[in-house]
C-alpha atoms as a PDB file:
ATOM      1  CA  MET A   1      79.948  37.013  44.644  1.00  0.00           C
ATOM      2  CA  ASN A   2      76.196  36.526  44.353  1.00  0.00           C
ATOM      3  CA  LYS A   3      73.684  37.922  41.865  1.00  0.00           C
ATOM      4  CA  ASP A   4      72.534  40.711  44.190  1.00  0.00           C
ATOM      5  CA  GLN A   5      76.083  41.987  44.577  1.00  0.00           C
ATOM      6  CA  VAL A   6      76.653  41.946  40.805  1.00  0.00           C
ATOM      7  CA  SER A   7      73.277  43.508  40.021  1.00  0.00           C
ATOM      8  CA  GLY A   8      73.817  46.163  42.689  1.00  0.00           C
ATOM      9  CA  LYS A   9      77.203  47.129  41.284  1.00  0.00           C
ATOM     10  CA  ALA A  10      75.725  47.305  37.775  1.00  0.00           C
ATOM     11  CA  ASP A  11      72.857  49.524  38.971  1.00  0.00           C
ATOM     12  CA  GLN A  12      75.356  51.844  40.637  1.00  0.00           C
ATOM     13  CA  VAL A  13      77.427  52.177  37.454  1.00  0.00           C
ATOM     14  CA  ILE A  14      74.329  52.777  35.330  1.00  0.00           C
ATOM     15  CA  GLY A  15      73.101  55.315  37.870  1.00  0.00           C
ATOM     16  CA  LYS A  16      76.406  57.151  37.851  1.00  0.00           C
ATOM     17  CA  VAL A  17      76.283  57.360  34.038  1.00  0.00           C
ATOM     18  CA  LYS A  18      72.680  58.602  34.086  1.00  0.00           C
ATOM     19  CA  GLN A  19      73.562  61.193  36.700  1.00  0.00           C
ATOM     20  CA  LYS A  20      76.543  62.509  34.726  1.00  0.00           C
ATOM     21  CA  VAL A  21      74.636  62.567  31.426  1.00  0.00           C
ATOM     22  CA  GLY A  22      71.663  64.280  33.076  1.00  0.00           C
ATOM     23  CA  GLU A  23      73.932  66.887  34.662  1.00  0.00           C
ATOM     24  CA  GLY A  24      75.788  67.339  31.382  1.00  0.00           C
ATOM     25  CA  VAL A  25      72.684  68.028  29.318  1.00  0.00           C
ATOM     26  CA  GLY A  26      70.816  69.890  32.051  1.00  0.00           C
ATOM     27  CA  ASN A  27      68.180  67.183  32.523  1.00  0.00           C
ATOM     28  CA  GLN A  28      67.469  67.189  36.277  1.00  0.00           C
ATOM     29  CA  HIS A  29      65.016  64.304  36.002  1.00  0.00           C
ATOM     30  CA  LEU A  30      67.661  62.033  34.412  1.00  0.00           C
ATOM     31  CA  ALA A  31      70.291  63.161  36.942  1.00  0.00           C
ATOM     32  CA  ASN A  32      67.909  62.433  39.827  1.00  0.00           C
ATOM     33  CA  GLN A  33      67.000  59.077  38.321  1.00  0.00           C
ATOM     34  CA  GLY A  34      70.703  58.268  38.168  1.00  0.00           C
ATOM     35  CA  VAL A  35      71.149  59.027  41.861  1.00  0.00           C
ATOM     36  CA  ALA A  36      68.079  56.897  42.667  1.00  0.00           C
ATOM     37  CA  ASP A  37      69.586  54.035  40.644  1.00  0.00           C
ATOM     38  CA  GLN A  38      72.827  54.388  42.608  1.00  0.00           C
ATOM     39  CA  VAL A  39      70.924  54.163  45.883  1.00  0.00           C
ATOM     40  CA  LYS A  40      68.976  51.133  44.655  1.00  0.00           C
ATOM     41  CA  GLY A  41      72.241  49.519  43.553  1.00  0.00           C
ATOM     42  CA  ALA A  42      73.946  50.209  46.875  1.00  0.00           C
ATOM     43  CA  VAL A  43      71.021  48.614  48.718  1.00  0.00           C
ATOM     44  CA  LYS A  44      71.100  45.542  46.445  1.00  0.00           C
ATOM     45  CA  GLU A  45      74.853  45.182  46.838  1.00  0.00           C
ATOM     46  CA  THR A  46      74.593  45.534  50.614  1.00  0.00           C
ATOM     47  CA  TRP A  47      71.818  42.921  50.707  1.00  0.00           C
ATOM     48  CA  GLY A  48      74.047  40.653  48.647  1.00  0.00           C
ATOM     49  CA  ASN A  49      76.883  41.228  51.115  1.00  0.00           C
ATOM     50  CA  VAL A  50      74.588  40.278  54.001  1.00  0.00           C
ATOM     51  CA  LYS A  51      73.474  37.092  52.236  1.00  0.00           C
ATOM     52  CA  ASP A  52      77.069  36.199  51.365  1.00  0.00           C
ATOM     53  CA  ASP A  53      78.222  36.729  54.943  1.00  0.00           C
ATOM     54  CA  ALA A  54      75.291  34.737  56.329  1.00  0.00           C
ATOM     55  CA  GLU A  55      76.158  31.836  54.028  1.00  0.00           C
ATOM     56  CA  LYS A  56      79.808  31.926  55.082  1.00  0.00           C
ATOM     57  CA  THR A  57      78.808  32.033  58.753  1.00  0.00           C
ATOM     58  CA  SER A  58      76.397  29.145  58.265  1.00  0.00           C
ATOM     59  CA  ASP A  59      79.094  27.108  56.524  1.00  0.00           C
ATOM     60  CA  ALA A  60      81.543  27.809  59.348  1.00  0.00           C
ATOM     61  CA  HIS A  61      78.985  26.738  61.970  1.00  0.00           C
ATOM     62  CA  ARG A  62      78.235  23.585  60.005  1.00  0.00           C
ATOM     63  CA  ARG A  63      81.948  22.711  59.793  1.00  0.00           C
ATOM     64  CA  ASP A  64      82.398  23.395  63.524  1.00  0.00           C
ATOM     65  CA  SER A  65      79.380  21.247  64.342  1.00  0.00           C
ATOM     66  CA  GLU A  66      80.660  18.390  62.186  1.00  0.00           C
ATOM     67  CA  ALA A  67      84.090  18.598  63.795  1.00  0.00           C
ATOM     68  CA  HIS A  68      82.518  18.522  67.259  1.00  0.00           C
ATOM     69  CA  ALA A  69      80.357  15.525  66.326  1.00  0.00           C
ATOM     70  CA  ASN A  70      83.389  13.691  64.903  1.00  0.00           C
ATOM     71  CA  HIS A  71      85.347  14.388  68.073  1.00  0.00           C
ATOM     72  CA  ALA A  72      82.460  13.195  70.273  1.00  0.00           C
ATOM     73  CA  ARG A  73      82.098   9.962  68.285  1.00  0.00           C
ATOM     74  CA  GLU A  74      85.831   9.340  68.511  1.00  0.00           C
ATOM     75  CA  HIS A  75      85.755   9.966  72.260  1.00  0.00           C
ATOM     76  CA  VAL A  76      82.867   7.523  72.774  1.00  0.00           C
ATOM     77  CA  SER A  77      84.559   4.930  70.585  1.00  0.00           C
ATOM     78  CA  ASP A  78      87.801   5.292  72.567  1.00  0.00           C
ATOM     79  CA  LYS A  79      85.936   4.912  75.859  1.00  0.00           C
ATOM     80  CA  VAL A  80      84.160   1.779  74.609  1.00  0.00           C
ATOM     81  CA  GLN A  81      87.509   0.311  73.600  1.00  0.00           C
ATOM     82  CA  ASP A  82      88.964   1.214  77.040  1.00  0.00           C
ATOM     83  CA  VAL A  83      86.078  -0.527  78.822  1.00  0.00           C
ATOM     84  CA  LYS A  84      86.396  -3.563  76.558  1.00  0.00           C
ATOM     85  CA  ASN A  85      90.134  -3.785  77.259  1.00  0.00           C
ATOM     86  CA  SER A  86      89.576  -3.384  80.996  1.00  0.00           C
ATOM     87  CA  VAL A  87      86.938  -6.131  81.091  1.00  0.00           C
ATOM     88  CA  ASN A  88      89.132  -8.471  79.008  1.00  0.00           C
ATOM     89  CA  LYS A  89      92.031  -7.810  81.371  1.00  0.00           C
ATOM     90  CA  LYS A  90      89.850  -8.725  84.365  1.00  0.00           C
ATOM     91  CA  ILE A  91      88.693 -11.891  82.591  1.00  0.00           C
ATOM     92  CA  ASP A  92      92.314 -12.871  81.869  1.00  0.00           C
ATOM     93  CA  GLU A  93      93.288 -12.222  85.506  1.00  0.00           C
ATOM     94  CA  HIS A  94      90.373 -14.313  86.699  1.00  0.00           C
ATOM     95  CA  LYS A  95      91.385 -17.182  84.353  1.00  0.00           C
ATOM     96  CA  ARG A  96      94.962 -17.112  85.705  1.00  0.00           C
ATOM     97  CA  HIS A  97      93.829 -17.222  89.295  1.00  0.00           C
ATOM     98  CA  SER A  98      91.329 -20.013  88.615  1.00  0.00           C
ATOM     99  CA  ALA A  99      93.802 -22.256  86.842  1.00  0.00           C
END
C-alpha cells in the first residue's frame, strides 16, 4: 500500500466524519466540505491504486524480460557447446583416418 492509498483512505474517513457532524448540527457548509473531502480521498486512493498496479505490472515485465534473456543466453551457450563438440568430433575422426 502506498502513501496515496493511505492518505486517500484517511481523507475519506475524515470527510465522512465531517459530513455526519455537519448534518447532525445543521451545518451545510461542514457537511458539504465532508463530501468534498470524501471525493478528494477517493481520487487519491484511486491514483494510488493505479500507481501500485503500474509498479506491479512493471515488475512482472522486468521479471519476464530477465527470464527471456536468461533463456536466450542459455540457448546460445548450448549451441556454442554443440558446435564445439561437433568440431572436436570431426577433428578426432580426421586424426583416426590420418593415422
